[in-house]
Structure formats: C-alpha cells, structure tokens
Amino acid sequence: MTSHYETLTVPVVGGDLHVGRWGTGEPIVIAAHGITATHRSLRSVAEHLGDGVTVLAPDLRGRGHSNGVTGPFGMAAHADDLVAVLDHVGAKRALVVGHSMGAFVAVVAARRHAERISGLVLVDGGLPLDLGGLARRPVDEILAAVIGPALDRLHRTFRSTEDYFGYWRVHPALAGDWNAYMEDAYAYDLEGERPVLRSGVREAAVLADCETQFLSEDMPVAVESLRHPTVLLRATKGMMSEELPLYTDSWIEPWLRRLPAISQRVVPDVNHYTILFTDRGAQAVADVIVDQLARVASDDRRDGVPQ
C-alpha cells in the first residue's frame, strides 16, 4: 500500500487544475476519473499500486478543487489537461488509466497526443455504449438515464457530511460495500458550509462532457484510430448493480474484433462503482496496470528507449 500522497496545482487554459499525486516510483500513471467524480475516487487503486508507482490524478475541470476552471469542456479539453500535467512534472510519457468517462478521455488523449501515451487501461468505459433509443434523446435525458442519482445530487443540498453519506449509502451499487474509500471520496466532493452543503461538481461541465462523450463523432473516430496497447476491464454488473453490465458480451465482442490493440479482462463480482472502491476491484485494476507497465518497460528495452 502506498503511504505517500500530496497535491499540486497545474496551470491550464481557464484556470488551475488540482492534482493528486500518490507514490514516488519512476513509472508514471496518469489517471482520469468519471463524469461526476473527483481524483479521490482513484485513491483505492493508487494505494493498491504502492509507492513504487507514481499516480497523477487531476480533478478534471469542473469537478472537485478544479471546479473553478472554466471551459472549454469535453473529452479533447480533458485530454489536453492530462498532457499539461505530464508537462508540469517533466514526464515524457505515461500509461493512461481512465474510469467511466475518464476512459473516453484516455482514448481521445491517445489520438491527440499519441507520442505521450505508452498504453491505456480502460476501466468500464472508453468504447461506445449501446444507448439504443436514448441516442435520440436530449443530452440531459441521456445522462439522467445512465447515471441516475449521481446527476440528481447536483440539484440538492445536504445538512452535513453524514447526511451526504446517507444519500450515497442507499445507492444500489454501493449499499452492500460501503467503506472508507467511498466516505473519503464523497466527503471530498462536498463544498459550502453546514447546513447547506452541495457537491462541487459543476452541472454545466457534466452536460458539455456528456455531449462530446456520447453524441460527438470525435469519439468513434478516436476509438477506430486506437493503436496503443489497451486493456479494457469490464465490470460484471451495471451502474445500479443490475445484472446487465454496461458492456455486454454481444455488444463488446464486435468492437474487440475490429480493434486488435484492445484486450479485455472481466472483473467478477463488481459493478461500475465497486470496480474502483472495493479491495477486490481495485486490486484487479492495479494488477492490470502493473502488467501494462511491465509491457511498456519490456518494449522500451527492445526498442532501445533510454530508461
């Protein structure tokens, strides 16, 4: 388990990005969180990696302590911000890890900044979703249908941190696994003063990001051009812990046949949230990251890249 954690500030277009940094090792992982999350949702994975790996995880613009960063929003802006973080710390390349929307950011980063990316780990996201009839609905309706309570909370206030925990404890994806990682992430998400606390996530950023994630032609183009070695981790349950996962076998298999750079790992007994927040999920993600870092090191030695 890692014991080192610090934060840093990175100037980007529109303001200053707040970045969490775990570990002190030479291999660098840059990680992007989900659409209404913050960098603290990645704490579990970073701690399972240990101090031998450096994990850089920004609060994406419009979230957490980066919620004062103005637009532009969208996958391209977040991808550029990831590279700004690498520039800030003097890193030439990094393995990109993305969860949910963050996985879509990772795919776009690989297209826009191919030379800065050594590989990708996509955690229950990154490939187009089967939206069915939702694809013809307004963006706010798509988002409400996909993430439900995570969007609803942006319109609420809470009397205390415990009140906020109570809102999340009954979420069907979290109720059976409530733990300290979840409390840490959701406590960090709050801003304001009691008895009027609210999530620090800016809804305008969420809606703009949803549009580029689900409705823009940029995403299919980025996916089709993906050439970096990539592992997709799939949860076996969905957003609300329902039996139907976000990516079904029948939906994902044609994509995998078309995209030879991508392999997959199915993570049992987790949903879209607990793939990060539980020890069993975080360890599975960390194991894949370690494998990908070893592959990068091996390829670099073969190709004579200076270590």
C-alpha atoms as a PDB file:
ATOM      1  CA  MET A   1       0.000   0.000   0.000  1.00  0.00           C
ATOM      2  CA  THR A   2       1.222   3.495  -0.793  1.00  0.00           C
ATOM      3  CA  SER A   3       1.809   5.908   2.068  1.00  0.00           C
ATOM      4  CA  HIS A   4       2.866   8.944   0.032  1.00  0.00           C
ATOM      5  CA  TYR A   5       0.181  11.419  -1.052  1.00  0.00           C
ATOM      6  CA  GLU A   6       0.417  15.076  -1.955  1.00  0.00           C
ATOM      7  CA  THR A   7      -1.374  17.578  -4.162  1.00  0.00           C
ATOM      8  CA  LEU A   8      -0.110  20.026  -6.745  1.00  0.00           C
ATOM      9  CA  THR A   9      -1.530  22.791  -8.891  1.00  0.00           C
ATOM     10  CA  VAL A  10      -1.127  22.808 -12.668  1.00  0.00           C
ATOM     11  CA  PRO A  11      -1.962  25.888 -14.779  1.00  0.00           C
ATOM     12  CA  VAL A  12      -4.242  25.078 -17.734  1.00  0.00           C
ATOM     13  CA  VAL A  13      -6.419  27.070 -20.096  1.00  0.00           C
ATOM     14  CA  GLY A  14      -9.157  28.588 -17.949  1.00  0.00           C
ATOM     15  CA  GLY A  15      -7.560  28.261 -14.514  1.00  0.00           C
ATOM     16  CA  ASP A  16      -5.579  25.943 -12.252  1.00  0.00           C
ATOM     17  CA  LEU A  17      -6.022  22.186 -12.167  1.00  0.00           C
ATOM     18  CA  HIS A  18      -5.878  20.480  -8.761  1.00  0.00           C
ATOM     19  CA  VAL A  19      -3.934  17.208  -8.982  1.00  0.00           C
ATOM     20  CA  GLY A  20      -3.463  14.380  -6.523  1.00  0.00           C
ATOM     21  CA  ARG A  21      -0.170  12.520  -6.552  1.00  0.00           C
ATOM     22  CA  TRP A  22       0.325   9.112  -4.958  1.00  0.00           C
ATOM     23  CA  GLY A  23       3.574   7.167  -4.787  1.00  0.00           C
ATOM     24  CA  THR A  24       7.144   8.088  -5.611  1.00  0.00           C
ATOM     25  CA  GLY A  25       8.240   5.486  -8.155  1.00  0.00           C
ATOM     26  CA  GLU A  26       9.650   6.075 -11.619  1.00  0.00           C
ATOM     27  CA  PRO A  27       6.790   4.522 -13.647  1.00  0.00           C
ATOM     28  CA  ILE A  28       4.161   7.192 -14.161  1.00  0.00           C
ATOM     29  CA  VAL A  29       0.444   6.592 -14.465  1.00  0.00           C
ATOM     30  CA  ILE A  30      -1.914   9.436 -15.234  1.00  0.00           C
ATOM     31  CA  ALA A  31      -5.492   8.711 -14.266  1.00  0.00           C
ATOM     32  CA  ALA A  32      -8.832  10.269 -15.205  1.00  0.00           C
ATOM     33  CA  HIS A  33     -11.969   9.835 -13.102  1.00  0.00           C
ATOM     34  CA  GLY A  34     -15.631   9.521 -14.050  1.00  0.00           C
ATOM     35  CA  ILE A  35     -18.105  12.173 -15.130  1.00  0.00           C
ATOM     36  CA  THR A  36     -19.261  13.346 -11.671  1.00  0.00           C
ATOM     37  CA  ALA A  37     -16.318  12.055  -9.617  1.00  0.00           C
ATOM     38  CA  THR A  38     -13.009  13.561  -8.445  1.00  0.00           C
ATOM     39  CA  HIS A  39      -9.446  12.339  -8.215  1.00  0.00           C
ATOM     40  CA  ARG A  40     -10.208  10.813  -4.799  1.00  0.00           C
ATOM     41  CA  SER A  41     -12.227   8.063  -6.473  1.00  0.00           C
ATOM     42  CA  LEU A  42      -8.871   6.687  -7.668  1.00  0.00           C
ATOM     43  CA  ARG A  43      -7.306   6.528  -4.214  1.00  0.00           C
ATOM     44  CA  SER A  44      -8.053   2.818  -3.784  1.00  0.00           C
ATOM     45  CA  VAL A  45      -6.255   1.851  -6.991  1.00  0.00           C
ATOM     46  CA  ALA A  46      -3.296   4.129  -6.231  1.00  0.00           C
ATOM     47  CA  GLU A  47      -2.886   2.637  -2.768  1.00  0.00           C
ATOM     48  CA  HIS A  48      -3.009  -0.902  -4.138  1.00  0.00           C
ATOM     49  CA  LEU A  49      -0.201   0.001  -6.555  1.00  0.00           C
ATOM     50  CA  GLY A  50       2.092   1.108  -3.726  1.00  0.00           C
ATOM     51  CA  ASP A  51       4.859   3.688  -3.607  1.00  0.00           C
ATOM     52  CA  GLY A  52       6.787   2.069  -6.466  1.00  0.00           C
ATOM     53  CA  VAL A  53       4.468   3.734  -8.996  1.00  0.00           C
ATOM     54  CA  THR A  54       3.647   7.433  -9.293  1.00  0.00           C
ATOM     55  CA  VAL A  55      -0.057   8.044  -9.924  1.00  0.00           C
ATOM     56  CA  LEU A  56      -1.072  11.520 -11.067  1.00  0.00           C
ATOM     57  CA  ALA A  57      -4.825  12.095 -10.933  1.00  0.00           C
ATOM     58  CA  PRO A  58      -6.332  15.531 -11.562  1.00  0.00           C
ATOM     59  CA  ASP A  59      -9.722  16.753 -10.543  1.00  0.00           C
ATOM     60  CA  LEU A  60     -10.937  17.229 -14.102  1.00  0.00           C
ATOM     61  CA  ARG A  61     -12.068  20.753 -14.929  1.00  0.00           C
ATOM     62  CA  GLY A  62     -15.470  21.480 -13.445  1.00  0.00           C
ATOM     63  CA  ARG A  63     -15.043  18.998 -10.570  1.00  0.00           C
ATOM     64  CA  GLY A  64     -13.576  18.941  -7.070  1.00  0.00           C
ATOM     65  CA  HIS A  65     -10.985  21.610  -6.431  1.00  0.00           C
ATOM     66  CA  SER A  66     -10.754  22.222 -10.188  1.00  0.00           C
ATOM     67  CA  ASN A  67     -14.377  23.348 -10.356  1.00  0.00           C
ATOM     68  CA  GLY A  68     -13.312  26.935 -10.879  1.00  0.00           C
ATOM     69  CA  VAL A  69     -11.595  26.053 -14.160  1.00  0.00           C
ATOM     70  CA  THR A  70     -13.755  27.398 -16.962  1.00  0.00           C
ATOM     71  CA  GLY A  71     -14.468  25.838 -20.339  1.00  0.00           C
ATOM     72  CA  PRO A  72     -13.868  24.574 -22.843  1.00  0.00           C
ATOM     73  CA  PHE A  73     -15.135  21.273 -21.526  1.00  0.00           C
ATOM     74  CA  GLY A  74     -15.289  17.995 -23.425  1.00  0.00           C
ATOM     75  CA  MET A  75     -13.067  14.989 -24.000  1.00  0.00           C
ATOM     76  CA  ALA A  76     -10.449  16.915 -26.001  1.00  0.00           C
ATOM     77  CA  ALA A  77     -10.040  19.564 -23.288  1.00  0.00           C
ATOM     78  CA  HIS A  78      -9.600  16.918 -20.592  1.00  0.00           C
ATOM     79  CA  ALA A  79      -7.132  15.009 -22.778  1.00  0.00           C
ATOM     80  CA  ASP A  80      -5.062  18.162 -23.245  1.00  0.00           C
ATOM     81  CA  ASP A  81      -5.191  18.782 -19.487  1.00  0.00           C
ATOM     82  CA  LEU A  82      -3.717  15.323 -18.817  1.00  0.00           C
ATOM     83  CA  VAL A  83      -0.762  16.198 -21.027  1.00  0.00           C
ATOM     84  CA  ALA A  84      -0.414  19.563 -19.258  1.00  0.00           C
ATOM     85  CA  VAL A  85       0.008  17.608 -16.011  1.00  0.00           C
ATOM     86  CA  LEU A  86       2.719  15.458 -17.626  1.00  0.00           C
ATOM     87  CA  ASP A  87       4.471  18.601 -18.860  1.00  0.00           C
ATOM     88  CA  HIS A  88       4.283  20.132 -15.396  1.00  0.00           C
ATOM     89  CA  VAL A  89       6.106  17.211 -13.786  1.00  0.00           C
ATOM     90  CA  GLY A  90       8.536  16.752 -16.700  1.00  0.00           C
ATOM     91  CA  ALA A  91       7.213  13.343 -17.781  1.00  0.00           C
ATOM     92  CA  LYS A  92       7.760  12.387 -21.417  1.00  0.00           C
ATOM     93  CA  ARG A  93       5.239   9.545 -21.471  1.00  0.00           C
ATOM     94  CA  ALA A  94       2.759   7.836 -19.196  1.00  0.00           C
ATOM     95  CA  LEU A  95       0.320   4.983 -19.029  1.00  0.00           C
ATOM     96  CA  VAL A  96      -3.194   6.429 -19.039  1.00  0.00           C
ATOM     97  CA  VAL A  97      -5.868   4.909 -16.816  1.00  0.00           C
ATOM     98  CA  GLY A  98      -9.461   6.065 -17.115  1.00  0.00           C
ATOM     99  CA  HIS A  99     -12.620   5.056 -15.312  1.00  0.00           C
ATOM    100  CA  SER A 100     -16.018   5.537 -16.960  1.00  0.00           C
ATOM    101  CA  MET A 101     -15.893   8.947 -18.691  1.00  0.00           C
ATOM    102  CA  GLY A 102     -12.205   9.086 -17.846  1.00  0.00           C
ATOM    103  CA  ALA A 103     -11.699   6.089 -20.129  1.00  0.00           C
ATOM    104  CA  PHE A 104     -13.160   8.107 -23.010  1.00  0.00           C
ATOM    105  CA  VAL A 105     -10.734  10.893 -22.116  1.00  0.00           C
ATOM    106  CA  ALA A 106      -7.896   8.339 -22.266  1.00  0.00           C
ATOM    107  CA  VAL A 107      -8.903   7.214 -25.773  1.00  0.00           C
ATOM    108  CA  VAL A 108      -9.005  10.793 -27.024  1.00  0.00           C
ATOM    109  CA  ALA A 109      -5.642  11.527 -25.384  1.00  0.00           C
ATOM    110  CA  ALA A 110      -4.132   8.579 -27.266  1.00  0.00           C
ATOM    111  CA  ARG A 111      -5.280  10.101 -30.553  1.00  0.00           C
ATOM    112  CA  ARG A 112      -4.401  13.730 -29.817  1.00  0.00           C
ATOM    113  CA  HIS A 113      -1.079  13.052 -28.067  1.00  0.00           C
ATOM    114  CA  ALA A 114      -0.001   9.648 -29.349  1.00  0.00           C
ATOM    115  CA  GLU A 115       3.699  10.125 -28.577  1.00  0.00           C
ATOM    116  CA  ARG A 116       2.998  10.946 -24.917  1.00  0.00           C
ATOM    117  CA  ILE A 117       0.975   7.806 -24.244  1.00  0.00           C
ATOM    118  CA  SER A 118       2.580   4.392 -23.683  1.00  0.00           C
ATOM    119  CA  GLY A 119      -0.663   2.450 -23.308  1.00  0.00           C
ATOM    120  CA  LEU A 120      -4.164   2.557 -21.885  1.00  0.00           C
ATOM    121  CA  VAL A 121      -6.170   0.865 -19.153  1.00  0.00           C
ATOM    122  CA  LEU A 122      -9.886   1.479 -19.657  1.00  0.00           C
ATOM    123  CA  VAL A 123     -11.992   0.731 -16.586  1.00  0.00           C
ATOM    124  CA  ASP A 124     -15.615   0.081 -17.571  1.00  0.00           C
ATOM    125  CA  GLY A 125     -15.594   2.781 -20.208  1.00  0.00           C
ATOM    126  CA  GLY A 126     -13.873   4.138 -23.291  1.00  0.00           C
ATOM    127  CA  LEU A 127     -15.741   2.256 -26.008  1.00  0.00           C
ATOM    128  CA  PRO A 128     -19.100   3.479 -27.331  1.00  0.00           C
ATOM    129  CA  LEU A 129     -22.109   2.438 -25.252  1.00  0.00           C
ATOM    130  CA  ASP A 130     -25.239   0.771 -26.557  1.00  0.00           C
ATOM    131  CA  LEU A 131     -27.637   3.676 -25.942  1.00  0.00           C
ATOM    132  CA  GLY A 132     -30.476   2.295 -28.036  1.00  0.00           C
ATOM    133  CA  GLY A 133     -33.335   4.796 -28.270  1.00  0.00           C
ATOM    134  CA  LEU A 134     -31.608   7.088 -25.778  1.00  0.00           C
ATOM    135  CA  ALA A 135     -29.221   8.206 -28.511  1.00  0.00           C
ATOM    136  CA  ARG A 136     -32.052  10.306 -29.983  1.00  0.00           C
ATOM    137  CA  ARG A 137     -32.910  11.992 -26.665  1.00  0.00           C
ATOM    138  CA  PRO A 138     -31.602  15.333 -25.286  1.00  0.00           C
ATOM    139  CA  VAL A 139     -28.256  15.096 -23.535  1.00  0.00           C
ATOM    140  CA  ASP A 140     -29.678  15.705 -20.045  1.00  0.00           C
ATOM    141  CA  GLU A 141     -32.131  12.814 -20.503  1.00  0.00           C
ATOM    142  CA  ILE A 142     -29.342  10.506 -21.662  1.00  0.00           C
ATOM    143  CA  LEU A 143     -27.265  11.381 -18.648  1.00  0.00           C
ATOM    144  CA  ALA A 144     -30.120  11.005 -16.170  1.00  0.00           C
ATOM    145  CA  ALA A 145     -30.958   7.580 -17.591  1.00  0.00           C
ATOM    146  CA  VAL A 146     -27.356   6.378 -17.458  1.00  0.00           C
ATOM    147  CA  ILE A 147     -26.131   7.692 -14.079  1.00  0.00           C
ATOM    148  CA  GLY A 148     -29.328   8.498 -12.173  1.00  0.00           C
ATOM    149  CA  PRO A 149     -28.570   9.536  -8.550  1.00  0.00           C
ATOM    150  CA  ALA A 150     -25.098  10.783  -9.442  1.00  0.00           C
ATOM    151  CA  LEU A 151     -26.736  13.523 -11.522  1.00  0.00           C
ATOM    152  CA  ASP A 152     -29.709  14.089  -9.210  1.00  0.00           C
ATOM    153  CA  ARG A 153     -27.473  15.056  -6.281  1.00  0.00           C
ATOM    154  CA  LEU A 154     -26.185  18.094  -8.171  1.00  0.00           C
ATOM    155  CA  HIS A 155     -29.608  19.676  -7.623  1.00  0.00           C
ATOM    156  CA  ARG A 156     -29.686  19.015  -3.859  1.00  0.00           C
ATOM    157  CA  THR A 157     -28.188  20.421  -0.691  1.00  0.00           C
ATOM    158  CA  PHE A 158     -27.176  18.423   2.376  1.00  0.00           C
ATOM    159  CA  ARG A 159     -27.173  19.338   6.058  1.00  0.00           C
ATOM    160  CA  SER A 160     -23.918  17.576   6.881  1.00  0.00           C
ATOM    161  CA  THR A 161     -21.319  15.150   5.591  1.00  0.00           C
ATOM    162  CA  GLU A 162     -23.201  12.339   7.306  1.00  0.00           C
ATOM    163  CA  ASP A 163     -26.369  13.439   5.520  1.00  0.00           C
ATOM    164  CA  TYR A 164     -24.482  13.188   2.234  1.00  0.00           C
ATOM    165  CA  PHE A 165     -23.151   9.753   3.149  1.00  0.00           C
ATOM    166  CA  GLY A 166     -26.728   8.715   3.820  1.00  0.00           C
ATOM    167  CA  TYR A 167     -27.685   9.737   0.282  1.00  0.00           C
ATOM    168  CA  TRP A 168     -24.964   7.522  -1.163  1.00  0.00           C
ATOM    169  CA  ARG A 169     -25.281   4.593   1.264  1.00  0.00           C
ATOM    170  CA  VAL A 170     -28.624   3.613  -0.239  1.00  0.00           C
ATOM    171  CA  HIS A 171     -27.326   3.764  -3.820  1.00  0.00           C
ATOM    172  CA  PRO A 172     -27.875   0.224  -5.119  1.00  0.00           C
ATOM    173  CA  ALA A 173     -24.308  -0.002  -6.410  1.00  0.00           C
ATOM    174  CA  LEU A 174     -22.787   0.956  -3.053  1.00  0.00           C
ATOM    175  CA  ALA A 175     -25.159  -0.246  -0.351  1.00  0.00           C
ATOM    176  CA  GLY A 176     -23.605  -3.678   0.063  1.00  0.00           C
ATOM    177  CA  ASP A 177     -19.993  -2.491   0.067  1.00  0.00           C
ATOM    178  CA  TRP A 178     -19.968   0.865   1.881  1.00  0.00           C
ATOM    179  CA  ASN A 179     -16.409   1.552   3.083  1.00  0.00           C
ATOM    180  CA  ALA A 180     -13.795   4.173   3.961  1.00  0.00           C
ATOM    181  CA  TYR A 181     -12.779   4.742   0.332  1.00  0.00           C
ATOM    182  CA  MET A 182     -16.326   5.789  -0.504  1.00  0.00           C
ATOM    183  CA  GLU A 183     -16.544   8.063   2.523  1.00  0.00           C
ATOM    184  CA  ASP A 184     -13.252   9.701   1.605  1.00  0.00           C
ATOM    185  CA  ALA A 185     -14.327  10.346  -1.990  1.00  0.00           C
ATOM    186  CA  TYR A 186     -17.764  11.717  -1.121  1.00  0.00           C
ATOM    187  CA  ALA A 187     -16.562  13.871   1.769  1.00  0.00           C
ATOM    188  CA  TYR A 188     -14.043  15.448  -0.602  1.00  0.00           C
ATOM    189  CA  ASP A 189     -16.821  16.114  -3.122  1.00  0.00           C
ATOM    190  CA  LEU A 190     -18.688  18.479  -0.777  1.00  0.00           C
ATOM    191  CA  GLU A 191     -18.358  22.255  -0.658  1.00  0.00           C
ATOM    192  CA  GLY A 192     -20.068  25.014   1.308  1.00  0.00           C
ATOM    193  CA  GLU A 193     -20.902  25.341   4.995  1.00  0.00           C
ATOM    194  CA  ARG A 194     -23.301  23.374   7.156  1.00  0.00           C
ATOM    195  CA  PRO A 195     -26.264  23.173   6.918  1.00  0.00           C
ATOM    196  CA  VAL A 196     -26.039  23.983   3.191  1.00  0.00           C
ATOM    197  CA  LEU A 197     -23.516  21.628   1.625  1.00  0.00           C
ATOM    198  CA  ARG A 198     -23.537  20.585  -2.021  1.00  0.00           C
ATOM    199  CA  SER A 199     -21.461  18.651  -4.488  1.00  0.00           C
ATOM    200  CA  GLY A 200     -18.637  20.649  -6.008  1.00  0.00           C
ATOM    201  CA  VAL A 201     -19.326  19.207  -9.463  1.00  0.00           C
ATOM    202  CA  ARG A 202     -20.494  21.804 -11.985  1.00  0.00           C
ATOM    203  CA  GLU A 203     -23.513  20.589 -13.941  1.00  0.00           C
ATOM    204  CA  ALA A 204     -22.601  22.688 -16.995  1.00  0.00           C
ATOM    205  CA  ALA A 205     -19.318  20.794 -17.266  1.00  0.00           C
ATOM    206  CA  VAL A 206     -21.089  17.450 -16.889  1.00  0.00           C
ATOM    207  CA  LEU A 207     -23.615  18.213 -19.628  1.00  0.00           C
ATOM    208  CA  ALA A 208     -20.957  19.511 -22.025  1.00  0.00           C
ATOM    209  CA  ASP A 209     -18.829  16.444 -21.393  1.00  0.00           C
ATOM    210  CA  CYS A 210     -21.768  14.109 -21.879  1.00  0.00           C
ATOM    211  CA  GLU A 211     -22.454  15.624 -25.287  1.00  0.00           C
ATOM    212  CA  THR A 212     -18.901  15.041 -26.522  1.00  0.00           C
ATOM    213  CA  GLN A 213     -18.723  11.610 -24.877  1.00  0.00           C
ATOM    214  CA  PHE A 214     -21.956  10.207 -26.282  1.00  0.00           C
ATOM    215  CA  LEU A 215     -23.051  12.325 -29.242  1.00  0.00           C
ATOM    216  CA  SER A 216     -19.921  13.694 -30.925  1.00  0.00           C
ATOM    217  CA  GLU A 217     -18.362  11.989 -33.935  1.00  0.00           C
ATOM    218  CA  ASP A 218     -14.958  12.608 -32.343  1.00  0.00           C
ATOM    219  CA  MET A 219     -15.310   9.585 -30.053  1.00  0.00           C
ATOM    220  CA  PRO A 220     -15.911   6.937 -32.754  1.00  0.00           C
ATOM    221  CA  VAL A 221     -13.026   8.386 -34.753  1.00  0.00           C
ATOM    222  CA  ALA A 222     -10.715   8.240 -31.726  1.00  0.00           C
ATOM    223  CA  VAL A 223     -11.763   4.666 -30.947  1.00  0.00           C
ATOM    224  CA  GLU A 224     -11.279   3.478 -34.524  1.00  0.00           C
ATOM    225  CA  SER A 225      -7.790   5.009 -34.636  1.00  0.00           C
ATOM    226  CA  LEU A 226      -6.678   3.400 -31.369  1.00  0.00           C
ATOM    227  CA  ARG A 227      -3.304   1.709 -31.845  1.00  0.00           C
ATOM    228  CA  HIS A 228      -1.796   1.838 -28.356  1.00  0.00           C
ATOM    229  CA  PRO A 229      -1.770  -1.415 -26.367  1.00  0.00           C
ATOM    230  CA  THR A 230      -5.001  -1.232 -24.390  1.00  0.00           C
ATOM    231  CA  VAL A 231      -6.729  -3.337 -21.761  1.00  0.00           C
ATOM    232  CA  LEU A 232     -10.450  -2.924 -21.143  1.00  0.00           C
ATOM    233  CA  LEU A 233     -11.631  -4.042 -17.697  1.00  0.00           C
ATOM    234  CA  ARG A 234     -15.333  -4.854 -17.637  1.00  0.00           C
ATOM    235  CA  ALA A 235     -17.484  -4.998 -14.527  1.00  0.00           C
ATOM    236  CA  THR A 236     -19.952  -7.877 -14.433  1.00  0.00           C
ATOM    237  CA  LYS A 237     -22.754  -5.639 -13.119  1.00  0.00           C
ATOM    238  CA  GLY A 238     -24.109  -2.294 -14.216  1.00  0.00           C
ATOM    239  CA  MET A 239     -24.391   1.269 -12.945  1.00  0.00           C
ATOM    240  CA  MET A 240     -27.046   0.359 -10.373  1.00  0.00           C
ATOM    241  CA  SER A 241     -25.545  -3.079  -9.705  1.00  0.00           C
ATOM    242  CA  GLU A 242     -28.133  -4.619 -12.016  1.00  0.00           C
ATOM    243  CA  GLU A 243     -27.264  -7.917 -13.674  1.00  0.00           C
ATOM    244  CA  LEU A 244     -26.923  -6.302 -17.103  1.00  0.00           C
ATOM    245  CA  PRO A 245     -23.438  -4.732 -17.247  1.00  0.00           C
ATOM    246  CA  LEU A 246     -22.538  -1.509 -19.002  1.00  0.00           C
ATOM    247  CA  TYR A 247     -20.830  -3.574 -21.716  1.00  0.00           C
ATOM    248  CA  THR A 248     -22.482  -6.863 -22.612  1.00  0.00           C
ATOM    249  CA  ASP A 249     -20.632  -9.689 -24.366  1.00  0.00           C
ATOM    250  CA  SER A 250     -22.735  -9.287 -27.504  1.00  0.00           C
ATOM    251  CA  TRP A 251     -22.013  -5.539 -27.677  1.00  0.00           C
ATOM    252  CA  ILE A 252     -18.304  -5.642 -26.916  1.00  0.00           C
ATOM    253  CA  GLU A 253     -17.156  -8.611 -28.986  1.00  0.00           C
ATOM    254  CA  PRO A 254     -17.542  -6.904 -32.403  1.00  0.00           C
ATOM    255  CA  TRP A 255     -15.520  -3.957 -31.106  1.00  0.00           C
ATOM    256  CA  LEU A 256     -12.742  -6.232 -29.921  1.00  0.00           C
ATOM    257  CA  ARG A 257     -12.616  -7.966 -33.303  1.00  0.00           C
ATOM    258  CA  ARG A 258     -12.312  -4.599 -35.054  1.00  0.00           C
ATOM    259  CA  LEU A 259      -9.692  -3.212 -32.661  1.00  0.00           C
ATOM    260  CA  PRO A 260      -6.773  -5.642 -32.320  1.00  0.00           C
ATOM    261  CA  ALA A 261      -4.901  -3.297 -29.958  1.00  0.00           C
ATOM    262  CA  ILE A 262      -7.511  -3.952 -27.263  1.00  0.00           C
ATOM    263  CA  SER A 263      -7.681  -6.964 -24.980  1.00  0.00           C
ATOM    264  CA  GLN A 264     -10.166  -7.375 -22.159  1.00  0.00           C
ATOM    265  CA  ARG A 265     -10.372  -8.579 -18.571  1.00  0.00           C
ATOM    266  CA  VAL A 266     -13.716  -9.291 -16.958  1.00  0.00           C
ATOM    267  CA  VAL A 267     -13.688  -8.454 -13.232  1.00  0.00           C
ATOM    268  CA  PRO A 268     -16.145 -10.669 -11.339  1.00  0.00           C
ATOM    269  CA  ASP A 269     -18.433  -9.591  -8.518  1.00  0.00           C
ATOM    270  CA  VAL A 270     -18.116  -5.835  -9.099  1.00  0.00           C
ATOM    271  CA  ASN A 271     -20.304  -3.123 -10.581  1.00  0.00           C
ATOM    272  CA  HIS A 272     -19.412   0.158 -12.267  1.00  0.00           C
ATOM    273  CA  TYR A 273     -18.519   1.747  -8.911  1.00  0.00           C
ATOM    274  CA  THR A 274     -17.125  -1.107  -6.845  1.00  0.00           C
ATOM    275  CA  ILE A 275     -14.602  -1.941  -9.556  1.00  0.00           C
ATOM    276  CA  LEU A 276     -12.749   1.042  -8.046  1.00  0.00           C
ATOM    277  CA  PHE A 277     -13.975   1.363  -4.489  1.00  0.00           C
ATOM    278  CA  THR A 278     -13.541  -2.183  -3.159  1.00  0.00           C
ATOM    279  CA  ASP A 279     -10.332  -4.061  -2.467  1.00  0.00           C
ATOM    280  CA  ARG A 280     -11.322  -6.829  -4.884  1.00  0.00           C
ATOM    281  CA  GLY A 281     -11.971  -4.328  -7.671  1.00  0.00           C
ATOM    282  CA  ALA A 282      -9.035  -2.023  -7.003  1.00  0.00           C
ATOM    283  CA  GLN A 283      -6.625  -4.954  -6.811  1.00  0.00           C
ATOM    284  CA  ALA A 284      -7.817  -6.233 -10.190  1.00  0.00           C
ATOM    285  CA  VAL A 285      -7.286  -2.799 -11.739  1.00  0.00           C
ATOM    286  CA  ALA A 286      -3.886  -2.415 -10.073  1.00  0.00           C
ATOM    287  CA  ASP A 287      -2.793  -5.835 -11.345  1.00  0.00           C
ATOM    288  CA  VAL A 288      -3.592  -4.855 -14.927  1.00  0.00           C
ATOM    289  CA  ILE A 289      -1.740  -1.552 -14.507  1.00  0.00           C
ATOM    290  CA  VAL A 290       1.338  -3.409 -13.239  1.00  0.00           C
ATOM    291  CA  ASP A 291       1.156  -5.762 -16.225  1.00  0.00           C
ATOM    292  CA  GLN A 292       0.871  -2.836 -18.626  1.00  0.00           C
ATOM    293  CA  LEU A 293       3.822  -1.039 -17.025  1.00  0.00           C
ATOM    294  CA  ALA A 294       5.917  -4.208 -17.339  1.00  0.00           C
ATOM    295  CA  ARG A 295       4.959  -4.462 -21.010  1.00  0.00           C
ATOM    296  CA  VAL A 296       5.965  -0.830 -21.588  1.00  0.00           C
ATOM    297  CA  ALA A 297       9.344  -1.400 -19.910  1.00  0.00           C
ATOM    298  CA  SER A 298       9.946  -4.543 -21.968  1.00  0.00           C
ATOM    299  CA  ASP A 299       9.017  -2.805 -25.227  1.00  0.00           C
ATOM    300  CA  ASP A 300      11.257   0.136 -24.383  1.00  0.00           C
ATOM    301  CA  ARG A 301      14.220  -2.168 -23.734  1.00  0.00           C
ATOM    302  CA  ARG A 302      13.597  -3.970 -27.011  1.00  0.00           C
ATOM    303  CA  ASP A 303      13.372  -0.681 -28.911  1.00  0.00           C
ATOM    304  CA  GLY A 304      16.385   0.859 -27.178  1.00  0.00           C
ATOM    305  CA  VAL A 305      14.405   3.618 -25.474  1.00  0.00           C
ATOM    306  CA  PRO A 306      16.518   5.150 -22.667  1.00  0.00           C
ATOM    307  CA  GLN A 307      15.336   4.027 -19.236  1.00  0.00           C
END
